[in-house]
Amino acid sequence: MTSISAELEELVPAWLTLPEVAERLSLPVNRTRQLLKEHQLAAVRRGESRALSVPAAFLDGTQILKGLPGTLTLLADNRFSEEESVRWLFTPDESLPGTPVQALAENRGTEVRRRAHALGF
C-alpha cells in the first residue's frame, strides 16, 4: 500500500476511509482490513495523514462490487501493486468501452477478468 499519485487522484472520483467502508459493509474495521489482505478490496494511502482509502466505486450500496474480488486476485497474481490495480480499474479502455470498474458495475465482469488475465501473458 503506497502513497497515492496525482494521476490516481484524478482517475478516482470518490474515496472512502476504512471506517466508512466498515460502516457500509456492517463489519468491524479489523475485518475490513482482512478483506484488503484477501484481495476482496484494494486501498491506497492518501492525504496528509496517509490514511488507507478505498475507491467508493468498489462498493455497490452495502456490498462489495460484484466481480471485484476475482479481478483484484487476477491483478495481484500478475504482480500488480494495489495502486497499480486501482489505476488499471479506473483507466478508460476503449475496447470495453469505459473503465474496467464501470464494466464491473454494469455486470460485464467476464470481459474485465479476461483483460486482467491477459495482462500476465
PDB file of N, CA and C in Angstrom:
ATOM      1  N   MET A   1       0.841  -1.163   0.000  1.00  0.00           N
ATOM      2  CA  MET A   1       0.000   0.000   0.000  1.00  0.00           C
ATOM      3  C   MET A   1       0.894   1.237   0.000  1.00  0.00           C
ATOM      4  N   THR A   2       0.860   1.944  -1.088  1.00  0.00           N
ATOM      5  CA  THR A   2       1.777   3.056  -1.282  1.00  0.00           C
ATOM      6  C   THR A   2       1.041   4.382  -1.246  1.00  0.00           C
ATOM      7  N   SER A   3       1.836   5.440  -1.237  1.00  0.00           N
ATOM      8  CA  SER A   3       1.263   6.782  -1.301  1.00  0.00           C
ATOM      9  C   SER A   3       0.649   6.991  -2.683  1.00  0.00           C
ATOM     10  N   ILE A   4      -0.444   7.680  -2.720  1.00  0.00           N
ATOM     11  CA  ILE A   4      -1.190   7.851  -3.966  1.00  0.00           C
ATOM     12  C   ILE A   4      -0.543   8.890  -4.879  1.00  0.00           C
ATOM     13  N   SER A   5      -0.593   8.618  -6.175  1.00  0.00           N
ATOM     14  CA  SER A   5      -0.057   9.561  -7.156  1.00  0.00           C
ATOM     15  C   SER A   5      -1.136  10.562  -7.554  1.00  0.00           C
ATOM     16  N   ALA A   6      -0.683  11.685  -8.104  1.00  0.00           N
ATOM     17  CA  ALA A   6      -1.628  12.712  -8.563  1.00  0.00           C
ATOM     18  C   ALA A   6      -2.513  12.159  -9.680  1.00  0.00           C
ATOM     19  N   GLU A   7      -1.936  11.331 -10.541  1.00  0.00           N
ATOM     20  CA  GLU A   7      -2.704  10.725 -11.634  1.00  0.00           C
ATOM     21  C   GLU A   7      -3.859   9.883 -11.084  1.00  0.00           C
ATOM     22  N   LEU A   8      -3.566   9.096 -10.073  1.00  0.00           N
ATOM     23  CA  LEU A   8      -4.602   8.248  -9.490  1.00  0.00           C
ATOM     24  C   LEU A   8      -5.671   9.090  -8.804  1.00  0.00           C
ATOM     25  N   GLU A   9      -5.244  10.167  -8.187  1.00  0.00           N
ATOM     26  CA  GLU A   9      -6.199  11.072  -7.532  1.00  0.00           C
ATOM     27  C   GLU A   9      -7.185  11.624  -8.559  1.00  0.00           C
ATOM     28  N   GLU A  10      -6.713  11.871  -9.788  1.00  0.00           N
ATOM     29  CA  GLU A  10      -7.592  12.374 -10.854  1.00  0.00           C
ATOM     30  C   GLU A  10      -8.504  11.285 -11.404  1.00  0.00           C
ATOM     31  N   LEU A  11      -8.008  10.055 -11.465  1.00  0.00           N
ATOM     32  CA  LEU A  11      -8.792   8.957 -12.040  1.00  0.00           C
ATOM     33  C   LEU A  11      -9.965   8.535 -11.160  1.00  0.00           C
ATOM     34  N   VAL A  12      -9.744   8.547  -9.847  1.00  0.00           N
ATOM     35  CA  VAL A  12     -10.755   8.049  -8.908  1.00  0.00           C
ATOM     36  C   VAL A  12     -11.548   9.233  -8.358  1.00  0.00           C
ATOM     37  N   PRO A  13     -12.861   9.287  -8.655  1.00  0.00           N
ATOM     38  CA  PRO A  13     -13.647  10.456  -8.255  1.00  0.00           C
ATOM     39  C   PRO A  13     -13.980  10.551  -6.764  1.00  0.00           C
ATOM     40  N   ALA A  14     -14.093   9.419  -6.074  1.00  0.00           N
ATOM     41  CA  ALA A  14     -14.501   9.464  -4.663  1.00  0.00           C
ATOM     42  C   ALA A  14     -13.833   8.332  -3.895  1.00  0.00           C
ATOM     43  N   TRP A  15     -13.497   8.633  -2.649  1.00  0.00           N
ATOM     44  CA  TRP A  15     -12.787   7.686  -1.790  1.00  0.00           C
ATOM     45  C   TRP A  15     -13.531   7.499  -0.478  1.00  0.00           C
ATOM     46  N   LEU A  16     -13.294   6.358   0.158  1.00  0.00           N
ATOM     47  CA  LEU A  16     -13.842   6.071   1.479  1.00  0.00           C
ATOM     48  C   LEU A  16     -12.696   5.643   2.396  1.00  0.00           C
ATOM     49  N   THR A  17     -12.750   6.065   3.645  1.00  0.00           N
ATOM     50  CA  THR A  17     -11.777   5.584   4.629  1.00  0.00           C
ATOM     51  C   THR A  17     -12.184   4.175   5.050  1.00  0.00           C
ATOM     52  N   LEU A  18     -11.279   3.466   5.695  1.00  0.00           N
ATOM     53  CA  LEU A  18     -11.628   2.111   6.150  1.00  0.00           C
ATOM     54  C   LEU A  18     -12.807   2.113   7.128  1.00  0.00           C
ATOM     55  N   PRO A  19     -12.876   3.068   8.073  1.00  0.00           N
ATOM     56  CA  PRO A  19     -14.062   3.082   8.935  1.00  0.00           C
ATOM     57  C   PRO A  19     -15.361   3.301   8.142  1.00  0.00           C
ATOM     58  N   GLU A  20     -15.314   4.111   7.090  1.00  0.00           N
ATOM     59  CA  GLU A  20     -16.503   4.322   6.258  1.00  0.00           C
ATOM     60  C   GLU A  20     -16.881   3.042   5.511  1.00  0.00           C
ATOM     61  N   VAL A  21     -15.869   2.336   5.001  1.00  0.00           N
ATOM     62  CA  VAL A  21     -16.126   1.062   4.317  1.00  0.00           C
ATOM     63  C   VAL A  21     -16.726   0.071   5.308  1.00  0.00           C
ATOM     64  N   ALA A  22     -16.136  -0.013   6.484  1.00  0.00           N
ATOM     65  CA  ALA A  22     -16.635  -0.935   7.512  1.00  0.00           C
ATOM     66  C   ALA A  22     -18.091  -0.641   7.849  1.00  0.00           C
ATOM     67  N   GLU A  23     -18.414   0.632   7.974  1.00  0.00           N
ATOM     68  CA  GLU A  23     -19.792   1.012   8.296  1.00  0.00           C
ATOM     69  C   GLU A  23     -20.753   0.597   7.182  1.00  0.00           C
ATOM     70  N   ARG A  24     -20.373   0.850   5.928  1.00  0.00           N
ATOM     71  CA  ARG A  24     -21.242   0.481   4.802  1.00  0.00           C
ATOM     72  C   ARG A  24     -21.446  -1.019   4.697  1.00  0.00           C
ATOM     73  N   LEU A  25     -20.397  -1.779   5.023  1.00  0.00           N
ATOM     74  CA  LEU A  25     -20.490  -3.242   4.926  1.00  0.00           C
ATOM     75  C   LEU A  25     -20.989  -3.873   6.223  1.00  0.00           C
ATOM     76  N   SER A  26     -21.235  -3.050   7.235  1.00  0.00           N
ATOM     77  CA  SER A  26     -21.661  -3.521   8.557  1.00  0.00           C
ATOM     78  C   SER A  26     -20.672  -4.531   9.134  1.00  0.00           C
ATOM     79  N   LEU A  27     -19.401  -4.169   9.067  1.00  0.00           N
ATOM     80  CA  LEU A  27     -18.317  -5.014   9.569  1.00  0.00           C
ATOM     81  C   LEU A  27     -17.428  -4.218  10.508  1.00  0.00           C
ATOM     82  N   PRO A  28     -16.715  -4.908  11.399  1.00  0.00           N
ATOM     83  CA  PRO A  28     -15.708  -4.195  12.185  1.00  0.00           C
ATOM     84  C   PRO A  28     -14.537  -3.789  11.279  1.00  0.00           C
ATOM     85  N   VAL A  29     -13.824  -2.743  11.655  1.00  0.00           N
ATOM     86  CA  VAL A  29     -12.720  -2.247  10.842  1.00  0.00           C
ATOM     87  C   VAL A  29     -11.656  -3.329  10.652  1.00  0.00           C
ATOM     88  N   ASN A  30     -11.384  -4.138  11.688  1.00  0.00           N
ATOM     89  CA  ASN A  30     -10.353  -5.172  11.527  1.00  0.00           C
ATOM     90  C   ASN A  30     -10.760  -6.204  10.477  1.00  0.00           C
ATOM     91  N   ARG A  31     -12.033  -6.485  10.318  1.00  0.00           N
ATOM     92  CA  ARG A  31     -12.488  -7.401   9.263  1.00  0.00           C
ATOM     93  C   ARG A  31     -12.318  -6.738   7.886  1.00  0.00           C
ATOM     94  N   THR A  32     -12.506  -5.429   7.828  1.00  0.00           N
ATOM     95  CA  THR A  32     -12.300  -4.697   6.580  1.00  0.00           C
ATOM     96  C   THR A  32     -10.832  -4.774   6.177  1.00  0.00           C
ATOM     97  N   ARG A  33      -9.934  -4.677   7.152  1.00  0.00           N
ATOM     98  CA  ARG A  33      -8.504  -4.827   6.857  1.00  0.00           C
ATOM     99  C   ARG A  33      -8.211  -6.232   6.315  1.00  0.00           C
ATOM    100  N   GLN A  34      -8.898  -7.227   6.841  1.00  0.00           N
ATOM    101  CA  GLN A  34      -8.725  -8.594   6.368  1.00  0.00           C
ATOM    102  C   GLN A  34      -9.188  -8.716   4.908  1.00  0.00           C
ATOM    103  N   LEU A  35     -10.262  -8.008   4.552  1.00  0.00           N
ATOM    104  CA  LEU A  35     -10.731  -8.011   3.168  1.00  0.00           C
ATOM    105  C   LEU A  35      -9.658  -7.478   2.216  1.00  0.00           C
ATOM    106  N   LEU A  36      -8.868  -6.505   2.684  1.00  0.00           N
ATOM    107  CA  LEU A  36      -7.763  -5.982   1.880  1.00  0.00           C
ATOM    108  C   LEU A  36      -6.703  -7.069   1.671  1.00  0.00           C
ATOM    109  N   LYS A  37      -6.365  -7.779   2.739  1.00  0.00           N
ATOM    110  CA  LYS A  37      -5.357  -8.839   2.642  1.00  0.00           C
ATOM    111  C   LYS A  37      -5.812  -9.964   1.716  1.00  0.00           C
ATOM    112  N   GLU A  38      -7.114 -10.214   1.685  1.00  0.00           N
ATOM    113  CA  GLU A  38      -7.678 -11.290   0.868  1.00  0.00           C
ATOM    114  C   GLU A  38      -7.967 -10.855  -0.569  1.00  0.00           C
ATOM    115  N   HIS A  39      -7.595  -9.635  -0.922  1.00  0.00           N
ATOM    116  CA  HIS A  39      -7.837  -9.062  -2.259  1.00  0.00           C
ATOM    117  C   HIS A  39      -9.325  -8.981  -2.595  1.00  0.00           C
ATOM    118  N   GLN A  40     -10.154  -8.824  -1.570  1.00  0.00           N
ATOM    119  CA  GLN A  40     -11.574  -8.585  -1.793  1.00  0.00           C
ATOM    120  C   GLN A  40     -11.796  -7.110  -2.113  1.00  0.00           C
ATOM    121  N   LEU A  41     -10.908  -6.265  -1.568  1.00  0.00           N
ATOM    122  CA  LEU A  41     -10.890  -4.817  -1.782  1.00  0.00           C
ATOM    123  C   LEU A  41      -9.442  -4.395  -1.959  1.00  0.00           C
ATOM    124  N   ALA A  42      -9.251  -3.190  -2.464  1.00  0.00           N
ATOM    125  CA  ALA A  42      -7.911  -2.607  -2.565  1.00  0.00           C
ATOM    126  C   ALA A  42      -7.960  -1.209  -1.976  1.00  0.00           C
ATOM    127  N   ALA A  43      -6.854  -0.807  -1.366  1.00  0.00           N
ATOM    128  CA  ALA A  43      -6.768   0.526  -0.763  1.00  0.00           C
ATOM    129  C   ALA A  43      -5.382   1.095  -1.013  1.00  0.00           C
ATOM    130  N   VAL A  44      -5.308   2.407  -1.034  1.00  0.00           N
ATOM    131  CA  VAL A  44      -4.035   3.115  -1.141  1.00  0.00           C
ATOM    132  C   VAL A  44      -3.983   4.178  -0.054  1.00  0.00           C
ATOM    133  N   ARG A  45      -2.766   4.576   0.289  1.00  0.00           N
ATOM    134  CA  ARG A  45      -2.596   5.638   1.282  1.00  0.00           C
ATOM    135  C   ARG A  45      -2.675   6.974   0.560  1.00  0.00           C
ATOM    136  N   ARG A  46      -3.451   7.885   1.145  1.00  0.00           N
ATOM    137  CA  ARG A  46      -3.594   9.195   0.504  1.00  0.00           C
ATOM    138  C   ARG A  46      -3.786  10.272   1.563  1.00  0.00           C
ATOM    139  N   GLY A  47      -3.581  11.512   1.137  1.00  0.00           N
ATOM    140  CA  GLY A  47      -3.750  12.653   2.031  1.00  0.00           C
ATOM    141  C   GLY A  47      -2.566  12.831   2.965  1.00  0.00           C
ATOM    142  N   GLU A  48      -2.603  13.916   3.695  1.00  0.00           N
ATOM    143  CA  GLU A  48      -1.518  14.219   4.633  1.00  0.00           C
ATOM    144  C   GLU A  48      -1.378  13.159   5.708  1.00  0.00           C
ATOM    145  N   SER A  49      -2.499  12.590   6.129  1.00  0.00           N
ATOM    146  CA  SER A  49      -2.451  11.576   7.183  1.00  0.00           C
ATOM    147  C   SER A  49      -2.054  10.208   6.649  1.00  0.00           C
ATOM    148  N   ARG A  50      -1.980  10.092   5.303  1.00  0.00           N
ATOM    149  CA  ARG A  50      -1.663   8.831   4.636  1.00  0.00           C
ATOM    150  C   ARG A  50      -2.605   7.709   5.083  1.00  0.00           C
ATOM    151  N   ALA A  51      -3.859   8.076   5.281  1.00  0.00           N
ATOM    152  CA  ALA A  51      -4.872   7.094   5.691  1.00  0.00           C
ATOM    153  C   ALA A  51      -5.202   6.168   4.525  1.00  0.00           C
ATOM    154  N   LEU A  52      -5.431   4.904   4.836  1.00  0.00           N
ATOM    155  CA  LEU A  52      -5.850   3.966   3.805  1.00  0.00           C
ATOM    156  C   LEU A  52      -7.218   4.382   3.286  1.00  0.00           C
ATOM    157  N   SER A  53      -7.334   4.421   1.965  1.00  0.00           N
ATOM    158  CA  SER A  53      -8.587   4.829   1.331  1.00  0.00           C
ATOM    159  C   SER A  53      -8.942   3.842   0.232  1.00  0.00           C
ATOM    160  N   VAL A  54     -10.229   3.558   0.139  1.00  0.00           N
ATOM    161  CA  VAL A  54     -10.777   2.625  -0.843  1.00  0.00           C
ATOM    162  C   VAL A  54     -11.626   3.428  -1.827  1.00  0.00           C
ATOM    163  N   PRO A  55     -11.476   3.197  -3.132  1.00  0.00           N
ATOM    164  CA  PRO A  55     -12.362   3.890  -4.070  1.00  0.00           C
ATOM    165  C   PRO A  55     -13.832   3.573  -3.750  1.00  0.00           C
ATOM    166  N   ALA A  56     -14.654   4.610  -3.690  1.00  0.00           N
ATOM    167  CA  ALA A  56     -16.077   4.426  -3.369  1.00  0.00           C
ATOM    168  C   ALA A  56     -16.758   3.517  -4.387  1.00  0.00           C
ATOM    169  N   ALA A  57     -16.293   3.514  -5.621  1.00  0.00           N
ATOM    170  CA  ALA A  57     -16.902   2.682  -6.669  1.00  0.00           C
ATOM    171  C   ALA A  57     -16.721   1.198  -6.415  1.00  0.00           C
ATOM    172  N   PHE A  58     -15.861   0.817  -5.473  1.00  0.00           N
ATOM    173  CA  PHE A  58     -15.665  -0.592  -5.156  1.00  0.00           C
ATOM    174  C   PHE A  58     -16.823  -1.164  -4.340  1.00  0.00           C
ATOM    175  N   LEU A  59     -17.695  -0.282  -3.867  1.00  0.00           N
ATOM    176  CA  LEU A  59     -18.862  -0.744  -3.123  1.00  0.00           C
ATOM    177  C   LEU A  59     -20.122  -0.460  -3.914  1.00  0.00           C
ATOM    178  N   ASP A  60     -21.031  -1.406  -3.874  1.00  0.00           N
ATOM    179  CA  ASP A  60     -22.339  -1.272  -4.502  1.00  0.00           C
ATOM    180  C   ASP A  60     -23.347  -1.270  -3.357  1.00  0.00           C
ATOM    181  N   GLY A  61     -23.625  -0.080  -2.853  1.00  0.00           N
ATOM    182  CA  GLY A  61     -24.511   0.019  -1.686  1.00  0.00           C
ATOM    183  C   GLY A  61     -23.815  -0.547  -0.463  1.00  0.00           C
ATOM    184  N   THR A  62     -24.354  -1.658   0.050  1.00  0.00           N
ATOM    185  CA  THR A  62     -23.799  -2.277   1.255  1.00  0.00           C
ATOM    186  C   THR A  62     -23.023  -3.551   0.946  1.00  0.00           C
ATOM    187  N   GLN A  63     -22.605  -3.704  -0.314  1.00  0.00           N
ATOM    188  CA  GLN A  63     -21.860  -4.893  -0.722  1.00  0.00           C
ATOM    189  C   GLN A  63     -20.630  -4.503  -1.528  1.00  0.00           C
ATOM    190  N   ILE A  64     -19.683  -5.427  -1.605  1.00  0.00           N
ATOM    191  CA  ILE A  64     -18.530  -5.246  -2.485  1.00  0.00           C
ATOM    192  C   ILE A  64     -19.020  -5.451  -3.910  1.00  0.00           C
ATOM    193  N   LEU A  65     -18.548  -4.628  -4.817  1.00  0.00           N
ATOM    194  CA  LEU A  65     -18.932  -4.685  -6.219  1.00  0.00           C
ATOM    195  C   LEU A  65     -18.721  -6.097  -6.770  1.00  0.00           C
ATOM    196  N   LYS A  66     -19.756  -6.633  -7.394  1.00  0.00           N
ATOM    197  CA  LYS A  66     -19.704  -7.987  -7.949  1.00  0.00           C
ATOM    198  C   LYS A  66     -18.561  -8.084  -8.965  1.00  0.00           C
ATOM    199  N   GLY A  67     -17.749  -9.121  -8.851  1.00  0.00           N
ATOM    200  CA  GLY A  67     -16.642  -9.339  -9.765  1.00  0.00           C
ATOM    201  C   GLY A  67     -15.346  -8.682  -9.354  1.00  0.00           C
ATOM    202  N   LEU A  68     -15.398  -7.757  -8.397  1.00  0.00           N
ATOM    203  CA  LEU A  68     -14.181  -7.055  -7.986  1.00  0.00           C
ATOM    204  C   LEU A  68     -13.168  -7.985  -7.319  1.00  0.00           C
ATOM    205  N   PRO A  69     -13.565  -8.824  -6.365  1.00  0.00           N
ATOM    206  CA  PRO A  69     -12.561  -9.684  -5.716  1.00  0.00           C
ATOM    207  C   PRO A  69     -11.791 -10.576  -6.696  1.00  0.00           C
ATOM    208  N   GLY A  70     -12.478 -11.200  -7.630  1.00  0.00           N
ATOM    209  CA  GLY A  70     -11.803 -12.052  -8.606  1.00  0.00           C
ATOM    210  C   GLY A  70     -10.850 -11.260  -9.478  1.00  0.00           C
ATOM    211  N   THR A  71     -11.267 -10.066  -9.851  1.00  0.00           N
ATOM    212  CA  THR A  71     -10.421  -9.204 -10.679  1.00  0.00           C
ATOM    213  C   THR A  71      -9.184  -8.767  -9.905  1.00  0.00           C
ATOM    214  N   LEU A  72      -9.358  -8.378  -8.645  1.00  0.00           N
ATOM    215  CA  LEU A  72      -8.216  -7.968  -7.822  1.00  0.00           C
ATOM    216  C   LEU A  72      -7.242  -9.129  -7.617  1.00  0.00           C
ATOM    217  N   THR A  73      -7.762 -10.332  -7.465  1.00  0.00           N
ATOM    218  CA  THR A  73      -6.903 -11.506  -7.305  1.00  0.00           C
ATOM    219  C   THR A  73      -6.090 -11.748  -8.577  1.00  0.00           C
ATOM    220  N   LEU A  74      -6.742 -11.644  -9.738  1.00  0.00           N
ATOM    221  CA  LEU A  74      -6.023 -11.804 -11.007  1.00  0.00           C
ATOM    222  C   LEU A  74      -4.913 -10.762 -11.144  1.00  0.00           C
ATOM    223  N   LEU A  75      -5.224  -9.525 -10.799  1.00  0.00           N
ATOM    224  CA  LEU A  75      -4.217  -8.463 -10.891  1.00  0.00           C
ATOM    225  C   LEU A  75      -3.070  -8.710  -9.916  1.00  0.00           C
ATOM    226  N   ALA A  76      -3.391  -9.155  -8.709  1.00  0.00           N
ATOM    227  CA  ALA A  76      -2.341  -9.468  -7.720  1.00  0.00           C
ATOM    228  C   ALA A  76      -1.486 -10.636  -8.210  1.00  0.00           C
ATOM    229  N   ASP A  77      -2.117 -11.631  -8.818  1.00  0.00           N
ATOM    230  CA  ASP A  77      -1.368 -12.761  -9.378  1.00  0.00           C
ATOM    231  C   ASP A  77      -0.422 -12.312 -10.480  1.00  0.00           C
ATOM    232  N   ASN A  78      -0.777 -11.215 -11.168  1.00  0.00           N
ATOM    233  CA  ASN A  78       0.076 -10.642 -12.209  1.00  0.00           C
ATOM    234  C   ASN A  78       1.061  -9.631 -11.634  1.00  0.00           C
ATOM    235  N   ARG A  79       1.208  -9.655 -10.309  1.00  0.00           N
ATOM    236  CA  ARG A  79       2.165  -8.815  -9.579  1.00  0.00           C
ATOM    237  C   ARG A  79       1.865  -7.320  -9.646  1.00  0.00           C
ATOM    238  N   PHE A  80       0.593  -6.973  -9.777  1.00  0.00           N
ATOM    239  CA  PHE A  80       0.197  -5.567  -9.711  1.00  0.00           C
ATOM    240  C   PHE A  80       0.169  -5.161  -8.240  1.00  0.00           C
ATOM    241  N   SER A  81       0.686  -3.973  -7.934  1.00  0.00           N
ATOM    242  CA  SER A  81       0.541  -3.423  -6.585  1.00  0.00           C
ATOM    243  C   SER A  81      -0.914  -2.974  -6.434  1.00  0.00           C
ATOM    244  N   GLU A  82      -1.303  -2.622  -5.229  1.00  0.00           N
ATOM    245  CA  GLU A  82      -2.676  -2.152  -5.041  1.00  0.00           C
ATOM    246  C   GLU A  82      -2.917  -0.867  -5.828  1.00  0.00           C
ATOM    247  N   GLU A  83      -1.928   0.033  -5.813  1.00  0.00           N
ATOM    248  CA  GLU A  83      -2.093   1.278  -6.569  1.00  0.00           C
ATOM    249  C   GLU A  83      -2.203   0.984  -8.065  1.00  0.00           C
ATOM    250  N   GLU A  84      -1.379   0.083  -8.569  1.00  0.00           N
ATOM    251  CA  GLU A  84      -1.449  -0.282  -9.990  1.00  0.00           C
ATOM    252  C   GLU A  84      -2.798  -0.915 -10.328  1.00  0.00           C
ATOM    253  N   SER A  85      -3.318  -1.730  -9.425  1.00  0.00           N
ATOM    254  CA  SER A  85      -4.634  -2.351  -9.646  1.00  0.00           C
ATOM    255  C   SER A  85      -5.733  -1.300  -9.709  1.00  0.00           C
ATOM    256  N   VAL A  86      -5.699  -0.362  -8.773  1.00  0.00           N
ATOM    257  CA  VAL A  86      -6.708   0.701  -8.765  1.00  0.00           C
ATOM    258  C   VAL A  86      -6.587   1.537 -10.040  1.00  0.00           C
ATOM    259  N   ARG A  87      -5.362   1.873 -10.419  1.00  0.00           N
ATOM    260  CA  ARG A  87      -5.146   2.653 -11.643  1.00  0.00           C
ATOM    261  C   ARG A  87      -5.717   1.903 -12.851  1.00  0.00           C
ATOM    262  N   TRP A  88      -5.430   0.609 -12.963  1.00  0.00           N
ATOM    263  CA  TRP A  88      -5.921  -0.182 -14.097  1.00  0.00           C
ATOM    264  C   TRP A  88      -7.455  -0.202 -14.122  1.00  0.00           C
ATOM    265  N   LEU A  89      -8.062  -0.379 -12.964  1.00  0.00           N
ATOM    266  CA  LEU A  89      -9.526  -0.453 -12.887  1.00  0.00           C
ATOM    267  C   LEU A  89     -10.207   0.865 -13.257  1.00  0.00           C
ATOM    268  N   PHE A  90      -9.513   1.982 -13.095  1.00  0.00           N
ATOM    269  CA  PHE A  90     -10.115   3.290 -13.368  1.00  0.00           C
ATOM    270  C   PHE A  90      -9.595   3.947 -14.653  1.00  0.00           C
ATOM    271  N   THR A  91      -8.751   3.248 -15.398  1.00  0.00           N
ATOM    272  CA  THR A  91      -8.237   3.798 -16.643  1.00  0.00           C
ATOM    273  C   THR A  91      -9.170   3.422 -17.786  1.00  0.00           C
ATOM    274  N   PRO A  92      -9.636   4.414 -18.559  1.00  0.00           N
ATOM    275  CA  PRO A  92     -10.545   4.117 -19.675  1.00  0.00           C
ATOM    276  C   PRO A  92      -9.942   3.111 -20.659  1.00  0.00           C
ATOM    277  N   ASP A  93     -10.787   2.207 -21.112  1.00  0.00           N
ATOM    278  CA  ASP A  93     -10.399   1.179 -22.079  1.00  0.00           C
ATOM    279  C   ASP A  93     -11.432   1.221 -23.199  1.00  0.00           C
ATOM    280  N   GLU A  94     -11.013   1.713 -24.367  1.00  0.00           N
ATOM    281  CA  GLU A  94     -11.942   1.875 -25.492  1.00  0.00           C
ATOM    282  C   GLU A  94     -12.573   0.566 -25.921  1.00  0.00           C
ATOM    283  N   SER A  95     -11.895  -0.556 -25.693  1.00  0.00           N
ATOM    284  CA  SER A  95     -12.446  -1.836 -26.123  1.00  0.00           C
ATOM    285  C   SER A  95     -13.561  -2.330 -25.209  1.00  0.00           C
ATOM    286  N   LEU A  96     -13.736  -1.706 -24.028  1.00  0.00           N
ATOM    287  CA  LEU A  96     -14.813  -2.181 -23.133  1.00  0.00           C
ATOM    288  C   LEU A  96     -16.206  -1.659 -23.520  1.00  0.00           C
ATOM    289  N   PRO A  97     -16.559  -0.497 -23.778  1.00  0.00           N
ATOM    290  CA  PRO A  97     -15.928   0.806 -23.544  1.00  0.00           C
ATOM    291  C   PRO A  97     -16.097   1.244 -22.091  1.00  0.00           C
ATOM    292  N   GLY A  98     -15.411   2.318 -21.747  1.00  0.00           N
ATOM    293  CA  GLY A  98     -15.447   2.821 -20.373  1.00  0.00           C
ATOM    294  C   GLY A  98     -14.253   2.288 -19.597  1.00  0.00           C
ATOM    295  N   THR A  99     -14.381   2.283 -18.287  1.00  0.00           N
ATOM    296  CA  THR A  99     -13.313   1.771 -17.434  1.00  0.00           C
ATOM    297  C   THR A  99     -13.674   0.368 -16.967  1.00  0.00           C
ATOM    298  N   PRO A 100     -12.686  -0.423 -16.581  1.00  0.00           N
ATOM    299  CA  PRO A 100     -12.999  -1.750 -16.046  1.00  0.00           C
ATOM    300  C   PRO A 100     -13.952  -1.702 -14.846  1.00  0.00           C
ATOM    301  N   VAL A 101     -13.799  -0.715 -13.965  1.00  0.00           N
ATOM    302  CA  VAL A 101     -14.688  -0.657 -12.802  1.00  0.00           C
ATOM    303  C   VAL A 101     -16.124  -0.346 -13.236  1.00  0.00           C
ATOM    304  N   GLN A 102     -16.296   0.468 -14.282  1.00  0.00           N
ATOM    305  CA  GLN A 102     -17.648   0.722 -14.805  1.00  0.00           C
ATOM    306  C   GLN A 102     -18.229  -0.561 -15.390  1.00  0.00           C
ATOM    307  N   ALA A 103     -17.396  -1.319 -16.094  1.00  0.00           N
ATOM    308  CA  ALA A 103     -17.865  -2.577 -16.679  1.00  0.00           C
ATOM    309  C   ALA A 103     -18.294  -3.553 -15.585  1.00  0.00           C
ATOM    310  N   LEU A 104     -17.542  -3.604 -14.488  1.00  0.00           N
ATOM    311  CA  LEU A 104     -17.948  -4.466 -13.369  1.00  0.00           C
ATOM    312  C   LEU A 104     -19.300  -4.022 -12.822  1.00  0.00           C
ATOM    313  N   ALA A 105     -19.478  -2.716 -12.669  1.00  0.00           N
ATOM    314  CA  ALA A 105     -20.740  -2.181 -12.150  1.00  0.00           C
ATOM    315  C   ALA A 105     -21.908  -2.491 -13.085  1.00  0.00           C
ATOM    316  N   GLU A 106     -21.612  -2.647 -14.383  1.00  0.00           N
ATOM    317  CA  GLU A 106     -22.646  -2.952 -15.375  1.00  0.00           C
ATOM    318  C   GLU A 106     -22.767  -4.453 -15.629  1.00  0.00           C
ATOM    319  N   ASN A 107     -22.218  -5.261 -14.715  1.00  0.00           N
ATOM    320  CA  ASN A 107     -22.304  -6.721 -14.789  1.00  0.00           C
ATOM    321  C   ASN A 107     -21.621  -7.284 -16.037  1.00  0.00           C
ATOM    322  N   ARG A 108     -20.493  -6.665 -16.417  1.00  0.00           N
ATOM    323  CA  ARG A 108     -19.696  -7.159 -17.545  1.00  0.00           C
ATOM    324  C   ARG A 108     -18.347  -7.653 -17.032  1.00  0.00           C
ATOM    325  N   GLY A 109     -18.387  -8.368 -15.927  1.00  0.00           N
ATOM    326  CA  GLY A 109     -17.172  -8.829 -15.257  1.00  0.00           C
ATOM    327  C   GLY A 109     -16.350  -9.821 -16.048  1.00  0.00           C
ATOM    328  N   THR A 110     -17.001 -10.637 -16.866  1.00  0.00           N
ATOM    329  CA  THR A 110     -16.263 -11.630 -17.647  1.00  0.00           C
ATOM    330  C   THR A 110     -15.254 -10.952 -18.558  1.00  0.00           C
ATOM    331  N   GLU A 111     -15.672  -9.888 -19.227  1.00  0.00           N
ATOM    332  CA  GLU A 111     -14.764  -9.158 -20.117  1.00  0.00           C
ATOM    333  C   GLU A 111     -13.622  -8.527 -19.328  1.00  0.00           C
ATOM    334  N   VAL A 112     -13.926  -7.997 -18.156  1.00  0.00           N
ATOM    335  CA  VAL A 112     -12.894  -7.358 -17.333  1.00  0.00           C
ATOM    336  C   VAL A 112     -11.880  -8.401 -16.894  1.00  0.00           C
ATOM    337  N   ARG A 113     -12.338  -9.544 -16.409  1.00  0.00           N
ATOM    338  CA  ARG A 113     -11.421 -10.586 -15.951  1.00  0.00           C
ATOM    339  C   ARG A 113     -10.612 -11.153 -17.121  1.00  0.00           C
ATOM    340  N   ARG A 114     -11.200 -11.231 -18.285  1.00  0.00           N
ATOM    341  CA  ARG A 114     -10.470 -11.702 -19.472  1.00  0.00           C
ATOM    342  C   ARG A 114      -9.292 -10.761 -19.747  1.00  0.00           C
ATOM    343  N   ARG A 115      -9.527  -9.468 -19.665  1.00  0.00           N
ATOM    344  CA  ARG A 115      -8.454  -8.497 -19.901  1.00  0.00           C
ATOM    345  C   ARG A 115      -7.404  -8.562 -18.775  1.00  0.00           C
ATOM    346  N   ALA A 116      -7.859  -8.699 -17.536  1.00  0.00           N
ATOM    347  CA  ALA A 116      -6.924  -8.788 -16.409  1.00  0.00           C
ATOM    348  C   ALA A 116      -6.057 -10.044 -16.536  1.00  0.00           C
ATOM    349  N   HIS A 117      -6.655 -11.129 -16.954  1.00  0.00           N
ATOM    350  CA  HIS A 117      -5.920 -12.381 -17.120  1.00  0.00           C
ATOM    351  C   HIS A 117      -4.870 -12.239 -18.217  1.00  0.00           C
ATOM    352  N   ALA A 118      -5.225 -11.555 -19.292  1.00  0.00           N
ATOM    353  CA  ALA A 118      -4.320 -11.386 -20.439  1.00  0.00           C
ATOM    354  C   ALA A 118      -3.103 -10.534 -20.089  1.00  0.00           C
ATOM    355  N   LEU A 119      -3.185  -9.733 -19.036  1.00  0.00           N
ATOM    356  CA  LEU A 119      -2.060  -8.892 -18.638  1.00  0.00           C
ATOM    357  C   LEU A 119      -0.846  -9.724 -18.245  1.00  0.00           C
ATOM    358  N   GLY A 120      -1.083 -10.967 -17.828  1.00  0.00           N
ATOM    359  CA  GLY A 120       0.004 -11.824 -17.385  1.00  0.00           C
ATOM    360  C   GLY A 120       0.742 -12.492 -18.517  1.00  0.00           C
ATOM    361  N   PHE A 121       0.270 -12.316 -19.742  1.00  0.00           N
ATOM    362  CA  PHE A 121       0.895 -13.007 -20.885  1.00  0.00           C
ATOM    363  C   PHE A 121       1.545 -12.047 -21.842  1.00  0.00           C
TER     364      PHE A 121
END
